[in-house]
Protein backbone atom coordinates (compact mmCIF):
# COMPACT_ATOMS: atom_id res chain seq x y z
CA MET A 1 -24.45 83.97 46.91
CA ASP A 2 -24.27 81.72 43.85
CA ASP A 3 -27.26 79.32 43.84
CA ARG A 4 -24.86 76.42 43.27
CA ILE A 5 -23.01 77.21 46.51
CA ALA A 6 -26.12 77.38 48.73
CA PRO A 7 -26.42 73.55 49.08
CA ILE A 8 -22.77 73.36 50.14
CA VAL A 9 -23.27 76.02 52.81
CA PHE A 10 -26.41 74.19 53.99
CA ALA A 11 -24.46 70.92 54.32
CA MET A 12 -21.61 72.65 56.15
CA ARG A 13 -24.03 74.14 58.66
CA GLN A 14 -25.75 70.77 59.13
CA PHE A 15 -22.36 69.20 59.81
CA ASN A 16 -21.30 72.01 62.18
CA PRO A 17 -24.08 74.42 63.24
CA MET A 18 -21.54 76.55 65.15
CA LEU A 19 -19.77 77.75 61.99
CA THR A 20 -19.62 81.51 61.81
CA ASP A 21 -20.39 83.45 58.64
CA GLU A 22 -16.69 84.34 58.47
CA GLU A 23 -15.67 80.66 58.59
CA VAL A 24 -18.20 79.78 55.90
CA LYS A 25 -16.86 82.60 53.73
CA MET A 26 -13.29 81.32 54.19
CA VAL A 27 -14.38 77.95 52.80
CA THR A 28 -16.64 79.21 50.04
CA ASP A 29 -13.95 81.60 48.81
CA GLN A 30 -11.81 78.52 48.08
CA LEU A 31 -14.52 76.62 46.19
CA VAL A 32 -14.02 75.59 42.60
CA LEU A 33 -17.24 74.51 40.91
CA LYS A 34 -16.81 71.53 38.60
CA SER A 35 -19.04 69.35 36.47
CA TYR A 36 -18.52 65.67 35.75
CA LYS A 37 -19.93 63.67 32.87
CA LYS A 38 -21.25 60.16 33.40
CA ASN A 39 -18.32 57.77 34.02
CA ASP A 40 -15.83 60.59 34.75
CA TYR A 41 -13.67 60.05 37.82
CA PHE A 42 -13.40 62.34 40.82
CA ILE A 43 -10.45 60.21 41.95
CA ARG A 44 -8.79 57.03 40.75
CA GLU A 45 -7.02 54.30 42.65
CA GLY A 46 -3.40 55.29 43.20
CA GLN A 47 -3.99 59.06 43.18
CA VAL A 48 -3.25 61.06 46.32
CA PRO A 49 -6.42 63.06 47.09
CA LYS A 50 -5.91 66.82 47.17
CA GLU A 51 -9.48 68.05 47.35
CA ILE A 52 -12.88 67.37 48.84
CA GLY A 53 -15.87 67.35 46.53
CA PHE A 54 -19.54 67.96 47.12
CA CYS A 55 -22.34 66.55 45.00
CA VAL A 56 -24.90 69.25 44.27
CA LYS A 57 -26.61 67.26 41.51
CA GLY A 58 -26.25 63.64 40.43
CA ALA A 59 -24.71 60.54 42.00
CA PHE A 60 -21.27 59.00 42.43
CA ARG A 61 -20.06 55.60 43.49
CA GLN A 62 -16.95 54.66 45.44
CA PHE A 63 -15.49 51.31 44.52
CA SER A 64 -12.34 49.22 44.49
CA ARG A 65 -11.09 46.52 42.17
CA LYS A 66 -10.49 43.09 43.63
CA GLN A 67 -9.49 40.15 41.47
CA ASP A 68 -10.71 41.88 38.30
CA LYS A 69 -14.09 42.67 39.87
CA GLU A 70 -15.45 46.07 40.83
CA VAL A 71 -16.73 46.15 44.40
CA ASN A 72 -18.99 49.10 45.29
CA CYS A 73 -18.49 50.25 48.85
CA ASN A 74 -20.33 53.57 48.97
CA PHE A 75 -22.67 55.80 47.02
CA MET A 76 -22.58 59.58 47.23
CA LEU A 77 -25.81 61.28 46.30
CA GLU A 78 -26.94 64.88 46.18
CA TYR A 79 -25.75 66.89 49.21
CA ASP A 80 -23.01 64.35 50.03
CA PHE A 81 -19.31 65.08 50.30
CA LEU A 82 -16.86 63.23 48.02
CA VAL A 83 -13.54 62.26 49.55
CA ALA A 84 -11.16 59.34 49.95
CA TYR A 85 -10.85 60.43 53.56
CA ALA A 86 -8.15 58.15 54.99
CA SER A 87 -5.91 58.65 51.96
CA MET A 88 -6.32 62.41 52.13
CA LEU A 89 -5.44 62.58 55.83
CA ARG A 90 -2.38 60.38 55.40
CA HIS A 91 -1.31 61.84 52.05
CA GLU A 92 -1.30 58.30 50.65
CA PRO A 93 -2.51 56.93 47.32
CA SER A 94 -6.20 56.09 47.33
CA ARG A 95 -7.32 52.48 47.32
CA TYR A 96 -10.62 53.58 45.80
CA TYR A 97 -12.16 55.10 42.71
CA ILE A 98 -14.95 57.68 42.91
CA GLN A 99 -16.88 57.76 39.64
CA ALA A 100 -19.90 59.72 38.38
CA LEU A 101 -22.90 57.49 37.72
CA GLU A 102 -24.60 60.26 35.74
CA ASP A 103 -23.84 63.84 34.74
CA CYS A 104 -23.01 65.61 38.00
CA GLU A 105 -22.25 68.99 39.47
């Protein structure tokens, strides 16, 4: 197994210890490993989320813009999932941005 995938499998098993090896393989076979530079966006306000991310290294912030101010509402650190969850479930444009605070994987 790729060393970069091991933390994702660990997090999946923490979230659901009953996952079988076959179920884990189904998910990991679909993984696309990406890197983000500082200030890159995982998602922007108005985009419809199509994927779930996982932070192996680095940190992200989730924020919205209100009256020309950025309001942080969440931070995603190493071993955290990245997702605009409600928007993804409803197939609606996100109200949030998710941005890398440093170089991330």
